[in-house]
Amino acid sequence: MAATDRSPPTQTSKPCACGSSHTLRSYRKEVGATRALGKPLSSLTREDFLLYERFLTAPTTDWTDPALLRRGGTRRLFDGPLAERIRRQALGILSGLFNDLVAAGYLAGNPLALRCARAATTARVRRVERYLDAALSRVVLESVESWPQATSCERQHYERSRWVMRFLYHTALGASEAAHAKAADFFQRRGRWWLHVVGKGGAEGEVPVSDTLMAEFARYRTFHGLSPAPAPGETSPAILSVAGDAKRHLTPTAVYLIAKEAFRRAAAALETSDPASAATLARASTHWLRHLAASHQADAGTDIRFIQWNLRHASIETTGLYLHAEDDRRHAHTVSPQGD
C-alpha cells in the first residue's frame, strides 16, 4: 500500500531487498555456489572472495558435470566458466545479501564492501549508452501508428502497444513495475497527477505524471469501456490483459515483448534507408525506454535530484550517468565547427 506521507523519498531509507522472492532465489543460488569455499558465511573474508571470483572463471568439473541435475542439494550450478558480466552480477548479489545480514545484526561487516565500492567508482566514469535519441524515439512511436487496425484484434493490439510504449517512456518504469501498476496507483495531489510505484525489493517511490500521459491513459481506458480517469481504490491494472480483462494484468514478459515488437517493426522500416539506426532499434528493449526517459529529462535541464527521485536511484552518482547533454556541450566548446 502507498505510504501516507507522499513526500519525495529520502536516500537513506532503502528497504531490505530480501523482501523480494526473486532476490531470495538469487541469494539461494549464489550462497549455494559459495560452498566451494568450504566455510560458513559468517567466516568468509575478502580474500576468500578473491579466490571465489577466480573459481568462477574456471569452475571445477564437479560443479559443471552435465550428469548432475539442475535442482537439489548437489545440483549442477554452472555450465562452464562465467563471463565477466555474470561474475560481477554474482558478487553483487552476494554483497546485497551481506548488507542485509549486517542490517539484521547477523554480521559485523560486509567483506565485499570494498570491492563493490571500487566497482561503483569505475562505473562513474561511464555513460549509459543503451538509450535512443529523440529522433529515433519518434520513429518508434510513429511506426506504431502505422500498425494495422482492420480487425478488432488488430485494433486492440494497436491500442495496447501504443499505451505501453508511452507509459514506459513517460514514467521510466521497468517492465515489472509497469505490469503490476494499478489504476489506484495514479493519484492527484494539489491538482497534479502522480504515480505510486513499488519497485525491486518493495522499494516505494512516486513519479510525476504529465497531463499528456493522463490523456493517453484516458484514451486507453475509454477504448476498454472504463471511465477516462482512474477512481481512488480502483483495482484494475494500468495495462489490462490481452483480452482486455479489467481484473487481470499483463505479465512483465508480455510488456517486454510488446516493446520488443515495437522496436523490431520500427527497425524493419529503417533497414534499407538507415541500417545503423535499424541495428540500434533491433537491440532495444524496455530498459532502453527507462534510459531514454532519464536521458531526455536530463537533456531538457531537469534538476538531477528530481531525475534521481523519478528513477528511484539510491545514489545520485547513478543518475549522473544519464547526463549526456553535459558531454555534448563540452564537445561543442572543444571541437571547432570547421572540423580539424
Protein backbone atom coordinates (compact mmCIF):
# COMPACT_ATOMS: atom_id res chain seq x y z
CA MET A 1 0.00 0.00 0.00
CA ALA A 2 1.10 3.58 -0.54
CA ALA A 3 2.65 5.42 2.36
CA THR A 4 0.61 8.17 3.99
CA ASP A 5 3.41 10.68 3.63
CA ARG A 6 3.88 11.24 -0.09
CA SER A 7 6.93 13.49 0.10
CA PRO A 8 9.92 12.58 -2.15
CA PRO A 9 11.74 9.51 -0.84
CA THR A 10 14.94 10.06 1.11
CA GLN A 11 18.08 8.28 0.02
CA THR A 12 18.84 6.88 3.45
CA SER A 13 15.73 4.77 3.99
CA LYS A 14 16.21 1.98 1.49
CA PRO A 15 14.20 -1.08 2.50
CA CYS A 16 15.69 -4.53 2.84
CA ALA A 17 15.95 -6.12 -0.59
CA CYS A 18 15.32 -9.59 0.82
CA GLY A 19 11.57 -8.97 0.72
CA SER A 20 11.58 -9.89 -2.98
CA SER A 21 11.06 -13.57 -3.89
CA HIS A 22 13.28 -13.03 -6.95
CA THR A 23 16.05 -11.67 -4.71
CA LEU A 24 15.67 -14.62 -2.33
CA ARG A 25 16.09 -17.06 -5.23
CA SER A 26 19.23 -15.20 -6.31
CA TYR A 27 20.60 -15.33 -2.77
CA ARG A 28 19.98 -19.07 -2.51
CA LYS A 29 21.75 -19.76 -5.80
CA GLU A 30 24.83 -17.67 -5.02
CA VAL A 31 25.11 -18.93 -1.44
CA GLY A 32 24.93 -22.48 -2.81
CA ALA A 33 27.83 -21.70 -5.11
CA THR A 34 29.97 -20.36 -2.26
CA ARG A 35 30.07 -23.89 -0.83
CA ALA A 36 33.21 -24.15 -2.94
CA LEU A 37 34.93 -22.00 -0.28
CA GLY A 38 34.24 -24.57 2.43
CA LYS A 39 33.32 -22.00 5.09
CA PRO A 40 30.13 -20.67 6.68
CA LEU A 41 29.04 -17.21 5.53
CA SER A 42 29.97 -15.68 8.88
CA SER A 43 33.62 -16.70 8.41
CA LEU A 44 34.18 -15.53 4.84
CA THR A 45 36.75 -12.80 4.24
CA ARG A 46 37.65 -10.52 1.35
CA GLU A 47 40.50 -12.88 0.44
CA ASP A 48 38.03 -15.78 0.24
CA PHE A 49 36.02 -13.87 -2.34
CA LEU A 50 39.11 -13.14 -4.41
CA LEU A 51 39.58 -16.92 -4.58
CA TYR A 52 35.86 -17.37 -5.30
CA GLU A 53 35.99 -14.91 -8.19
CA ARG A 54 38.92 -16.84 -9.62
CA PHE A 55 36.91 -20.05 -9.17
CA LEU A 56 34.02 -18.58 -11.21
CA THR A 57 36.35 -18.08 -14.17
CA ALA A 58 37.03 -21.84 -14.23
CA PRO A 59 34.61 -23.94 -12.12
CA THR A 60 35.83 -27.46 -11.43
CA THR A 61 34.21 -30.41 -13.19
CA ASP A 62 32.24 -31.47 -10.12
CA TRP A 63 30.30 -28.18 -10.45
CA THR A 64 29.75 -28.41 -14.22
CA ASP A 65 29.12 -32.14 -14.69
CA PRO A 66 26.25 -32.47 -17.22
CA ALA A 67 25.13 -35.64 -15.41
CA LEU A 68 24.12 -33.60 -12.35
CA LEU A 69 20.53 -32.40 -12.02
CA ARG A 70 19.72 -28.69 -12.17
CA ARG A 71 17.90 -28.94 -8.82
CA GLY A 72 18.66 -30.39 -5.41
CA GLY A 73 21.46 -30.14 -2.89
CA THR A 74 24.12 -31.47 -5.25
CA ARG A 75 22.75 -29.79 -8.35
CA ARG A 76 24.82 -28.51 -11.27
CA LEU A 77 25.11 -24.72 -10.86
CA PHE A 78 27.41 -23.97 -13.80
CA ASP A 79 27.62 -24.94 -17.45
CA GLY A 80 31.18 -23.67 -17.66
CA PRO A 81 33.29 -20.56 -16.97
CA LEU A 82 31.26 -17.41 -16.21
CA ALA A 83 31.63 -14.27 -18.31
CA GLU A 84 32.93 -11.15 -16.57
CA ARG A 85 29.48 -9.54 -16.51
CA ILE A 86 27.94 -12.61 -14.85
CA ARG A 87 30.78 -12.78 -12.31
CA ARG A 88 30.16 -9.14 -11.38
CA GLN A 89 26.45 -9.86 -11.06
CA ALA A 90 27.08 -12.88 -8.79
CA LEU A 91 29.34 -10.92 -6.47
CA GLY A 92 26.89 -8.01 -6.47
CA ILE A 93 24.09 -10.35 -5.35
CA LEU A 94 26.30 -11.69 -2.55
CA SER A 95 27.21 -8.16 -1.48
CA GLY A 96 23.49 -7.36 -1.24
CA LEU A 97 22.99 -10.43 0.92
CA PHE A 98 25.83 -9.42 3.24
CA ASN A 99 24.40 -5.90 3.52
CA ASP A 100 21.07 -7.41 4.61
CA LEU A 101 22.82 -9.68 7.13
CA VAL A 102 24.72 -6.70 8.54
CA ALA A 103 21.49 -4.72 8.82
CA ALA A 104 19.89 -7.68 10.61
CA GLY A 105 22.76 -7.83 13.12
CA TYR A 106 23.93 -11.28 12.00
CA LEU A 107 27.27 -10.00 10.68
CA ALA A 108 29.52 -7.16 11.79
CA GLY A 109 30.61 -6.17 8.29
CA ASN A 110 30.41 -6.88 4.56
CA PRO A 111 33.62 -8.47 3.20
CA LEU A 112 32.64 -7.37 -0.32
CA ALA A 113 32.05 -3.70 0.54
CA LEU A 114 35.47 -2.50 -0.62
CA ARG A 115 35.27 -4.39 -3.90
CA CYS A 116 31.80 -3.06 -4.71
CA ALA A 117 32.83 0.49 -3.81
CA ARG A 118 35.69 0.25 -6.31
CA ALA A 119 33.34 -1.17 -8.95
CA ALA A 120 30.97 1.76 -8.39
CA THR A 121 33.86 4.21 -8.76
CA THR A 122 34.80 2.60 -12.07
CA ALA A 123 31.18 2.75 -13.26
CA ARG A 124 31.01 6.51 -12.61
CA VAL A 125 33.36 7.24 -15.49
CA ARG A 126 31.00 5.55 -17.96
CA ARG A 127 27.86 6.90 -19.57
CA VAL A 128 24.66 4.99 -20.17
CA GLU A 129 24.56 4.24 -23.90
CA ARG A 130 21.54 1.93 -24.13
CA TYR A 131 19.03 4.61 -25.00
CA LEU A 132 17.53 6.25 -28.08
CA ASP A 133 17.92 9.84 -29.17
CA ALA A 134 14.82 11.97 -29.65
CA ALA A 135 14.64 11.36 -33.40
CA LEU A 136 14.73 7.57 -33.08
CA SER A 137 12.17 7.57 -30.28
CA ARG A 138 9.80 9.49 -32.55
CA VAL A 139 10.41 6.92 -35.31
CA VAL A 140 9.27 4.16 -32.96
CA LEU A 141 6.09 5.96 -31.89
CA GLU A 142 5.27 6.87 -35.49
CA SER A 143 5.85 3.27 -36.54
CA VAL A 144 3.23 2.07 -34.04
CA GLU A 145 0.72 4.48 -35.62
CA SER A 146 1.12 2.62 -38.92
CA TRP A 147 0.16 -0.78 -37.47
CA PRO A 148 -2.94 -2.44 -38.97
CA GLN A 149 -6.29 -1.84 -37.28
CA ALA A 150 -8.69 -3.54 -39.68
CA THR A 151 -9.95 -6.15 -37.21
CA SER A 152 -10.99 -5.82 -33.58
CA CYS A 153 -8.00 -7.94 -32.56
CA GLU A 154 -5.60 -5.71 -34.51
CA ARG A 155 -7.17 -2.56 -33.06
CA GLN A 156 -6.88 -3.93 -29.53
CA HIS A 157 -3.22 -4.85 -30.10
CA TYR A 158 -2.53 -1.40 -31.54
CA GLU A 159 -4.16 0.45 -28.62
CA ARG A 160 -2.37 -1.75 -26.07
CA SER A 161 1.05 -1.35 -27.70
CA ARG A 162 0.54 2.38 -28.17
CA TRP A 163 -0.27 2.79 -24.47
CA VAL A 164 2.56 0.52 -23.24
CA MET A 165 5.24 2.43 -25.16
CA ARG A 166 4.03 5.81 -23.90
CA PHE A 167 3.51 4.55 -20.35
CA LEU A 168 7.06 3.18 -20.13
CA TYR A 169 8.64 6.27 -21.64
CA HIS A 170 6.76 8.91 -19.63
CA THR A 171 7.19 7.14 -16.28
CA ALA A 172 10.63 5.46 -16.71
CA LEU A 173 9.19 2.29 -15.14
CA GLY A 174 10.69 -1.14 -15.61
CA ALA A 175 8.62 -3.87 -17.29
CA SER A 176 7.70 -5.48 -13.96
CA GLU A 177 6.77 -2.15 -12.35
CA ALA A 178 4.55 -1.25 -15.30
CA ALA A 179 2.92 -4.68 -15.44
CA HIS A 180 1.93 -4.55 -11.76
CA ALA A 181 0.81 -0.90 -11.68
CA LYS A 182 -2.86 -0.41 -10.82
CA ALA A 183 -5.33 2.35 -11.61
CA ALA A 184 -5.40 3.22 -7.90
CA ASP A 185 -1.67 3.95 -8.04
CA PHE A 186 -2.50 7.12 -10.00
CA PHE A 187 -3.48 9.87 -7.60
CA GLN A 188 -3.81 13.64 -7.51
CA ARG A 189 -2.04 16.00 -5.11
CA ARG A 190 -2.55 19.76 -5.33
CA GLY A 191 -4.24 19.30 -8.69
CA ARG A 192 -1.34 17.34 -10.22
CA TRP A 193 -1.20 13.65 -11.10
CA TRP A 194 1.34 11.28 -9.57
CA LEU A 195 2.02 7.55 -9.82
CA HIS A 196 2.88 5.48 -6.78
CA VAL A 197 5.47 2.83 -7.73
CA VAL A 198 6.63 -0.30 -5.93
CA GLY A 199 9.98 -1.38 -7.34
CA LYS A 200 12.55 -4.05 -6.61
CA GLY A 201 12.58 -5.37 -3.08
CA GLY A 202 9.41 -3.45 -2.28
CA ALA A 203 11.12 -0.05 -2.60
CA GLU A 204 8.44 2.63 -2.98
CA GLY A 205 8.56 5.86 -4.92
CA GLU A 206 6.44 8.45 -6.68
CA VAL A 207 6.67 9.58 -10.28
CA PRO A 208 5.16 12.81 -11.65
CA VAL A 209 2.60 12.13 -14.38
CA SER A 210 2.05 14.69 -17.13
CA ASP A 211 -1.33 15.76 -18.46
CA THR A 212 -0.21 14.29 -21.80
CA LEU A 213 0.21 10.83 -20.31
CA MET A 214 -3.09 11.09 -18.42
CA ALA A 215 -4.80 11.91 -21.74
CA GLU A 216 -3.22 8.79 -23.24
CA PHE A 217 -4.38 6.77 -20.23
CA ALA A 218 -7.91 8.13 -20.66
CA ARG A 219 -7.88 7.10 -24.31
CA TYR A 220 -6.71 3.57 -23.45
CA ARG A 221 -9.26 3.18 -20.65
CA THR A 222 -12.12 4.53 -22.75
CA PHE A 223 -11.28 2.05 -25.50
CA HIS A 224 -11.83 -0.74 -22.98
CA GLY A 225 -15.08 0.73 -21.64
CA LEU A 226 -13.63 2.18 -18.43
CA SER A 227 -14.05 5.71 -17.12
CA PRO A 228 -11.45 8.14 -18.53
CA ALA A 229 -9.92 8.89 -15.10
CA PRO A 230 -8.97 6.19 -12.58
CA ALA A 231 -11.03 6.15 -9.40
CA PRO A 232 -9.50 6.05 -5.90
CA GLY A 233 -9.12 2.44 -4.81
CA GLU A 234 -9.77 1.09 -8.32
CA THR A 235 -8.12 -2.32 -8.63
CA SER A 236 -8.00 -2.61 -12.42
CA PRO A 237 -4.42 -2.78 -13.77
CA ALA A 238 -2.83 0.10 -15.65
CA ILE A 239 -2.17 -2.35 -18.51
CA LEU A 240 -5.04 -4.79 -19.00
CA SER A 241 -4.63 -8.41 -20.03
CA VAL A 242 -4.55 -9.31 -23.72
CA ALA A 243 -8.29 -9.98 -23.61
CA GLY A 244 -8.93 -6.58 -22.02
CA ASP A 245 -9.98 -8.09 -18.70
CA ALA A 246 -10.04 -5.35 -16.05
CA LYS A 247 -9.33 -7.94 -13.34
CA ARG A 248 -6.12 -9.29 -14.86
CA HIS A 249 -2.86 -7.58 -15.79
CA LEU A 250 -0.22 -8.41 -18.36
CA THR A 251 2.87 -10.24 -17.19
CA PRO A 252 6.24 -8.41 -17.19
CA THR A 253 7.32 -10.73 -20.01
CA ALA A 254 4.33 -9.65 -22.11
CA VAL A 255 5.17 -5.98 -21.53
CA TYR A 256 8.76 -6.67 -22.56
CA LEU A 257 7.64 -8.48 -25.74
CA ILE A 258 5.31 -5.64 -26.72
CA ALA A 259 8.19 -3.18 -26.55
CA LYS A 260 10.47 -5.56 -28.46
CA GLU A 261 7.87 -5.88 -31.20
CA ALA A 262 7.56 -2.09 -31.50
CA PHE A 263 11.33 -1.74 -31.77
CA ARG A 264 11.58 -4.64 -34.23
CA ARG A 265 8.91 -3.24 -36.55
CA ALA A 266 10.48 0.22 -36.49
CA ALA A 267 13.88 -1.35 -37.22
CA ALA A 268 12.47 -3.23 -40.20
CA ALA A 269 11.12 0.04 -41.65
CA LEU A 270 14.61 1.61 -41.46
CA GLU A 271 16.62 -1.39 -42.62
CA THR A 272 17.16 -0.07 -46.15
CA SER A 273 17.34 3.70 -45.60
CA ASP A 274 19.24 3.78 -42.29
CA PRO A 275 20.81 0.40 -41.41
CA ALA A 276 22.76 1.83 -38.44
CA SER A 277 19.60 3.12 -36.76
CA ALA A 278 17.81 -0.11 -37.64
CA ALA A 279 20.54 -2.10 -35.88
CA THR A 280 20.19 0.13 -32.79
CA LEU A 281 16.43 -0.34 -32.66
CA ALA A 282 16.76 -4.11 -33.11
CA ARG A 283 18.80 -4.23 -29.89
CA ALA A 284 16.47 -2.00 -27.87
CA SER A 285 14.28 -3.27 -25.02
CA THR A 286 12.07 -1.96 -22.22
CA HIS A 287 15.11 -0.90 -20.20
CA TRP A 288 16.15 1.35 -23.07
CA LEU A 289 12.89 3.26 -22.57
CA ARG A 290 13.84 3.84 -18.94
CA HIS A 291 17.23 5.15 -20.05
CA LEU A 292 15.52 7.18 -22.77
CA ALA A 293 13.23 8.90 -20.27
CA ALA A 294 16.10 9.71 -17.92
CA SER A 295 18.36 11.00 -20.69
CA HIS A 296 15.63 13.18 -22.18
CA GLN A 297 14.81 14.63 -18.76
CA ALA A 298 18.49 15.45 -18.28
CA ASP A 299 18.78 16.96 -21.76
CA ALA A 300 15.76 19.16 -21.00
CA GLY A 301 17.58 20.61 -17.98
CA THR A 302 15.62 18.81 -15.27
CA ASP A 303 17.31 19.06 -11.88
CA ILE A 304 19.40 15.93 -11.34
CA ARG A 305 17.81 15.44 -7.91
CA PHE A 306 14.37 15.26 -9.50
CA ILE A 307 15.60 12.70 -12.05
CA GLN A 308 17.08 10.68 -9.19
CA TRP A 309 13.71 10.64 -7.41
CA ASN A 310 11.84 9.85 -10.64
CA LEU A 311 14.05 6.82 -11.31
CA ARG A 312 14.21 5.84 -7.61
CA HIS A 313 18.00 5.71 -7.67
CA ALA A 314 19.62 5.17 -4.27
CA SER A 315 22.67 7.18 -5.37
CA ILE A 316 22.78 10.43 -7.31
CA GLU A 317 26.02 9.20 -8.88
CA THR A 318 24.00 6.56 -10.75
CA THR A 319 21.72 9.29 -12.09
CA GLY A 320 24.78 11.21 -13.24
CA LEU A 321 25.42 8.54 -15.87
CA TYR A 322 22.49 9.95 -17.86
CA LEU A 323 23.86 13.49 -18.24
CA HIS A 324 24.68 13.26 -21.94
CA ALA A 325 23.91 16.94 -22.54
CA GLU A 326 26.95 17.91 -20.46
CA ASP A 327 29.15 15.82 -22.77
CA ASP A 328 27.52 17.42 -25.83
CA ARG A 329 28.26 20.93 -24.52
CA ARG A 330 31.86 20.02 -23.67
CA HIS A 331 32.35 18.59 -27.15
CA ALA A 332 30.83 21.66 -28.81
CA HIS A 333 33.10 24.01 -26.84
CA THR A 334 36.20 21.90 -27.52
CA VAL A 335 35.94 20.98 -31.19
CA SER A 336 35.99 23.73 -33.81
CA PRO A 337 32.89 23.88 -36.05
CA GLN A 338 35.24 23.79 -39.06
CA GLY A 339 36.45 20.27 -38.18
CA ASP A 340 40.21 19.78 -37.94
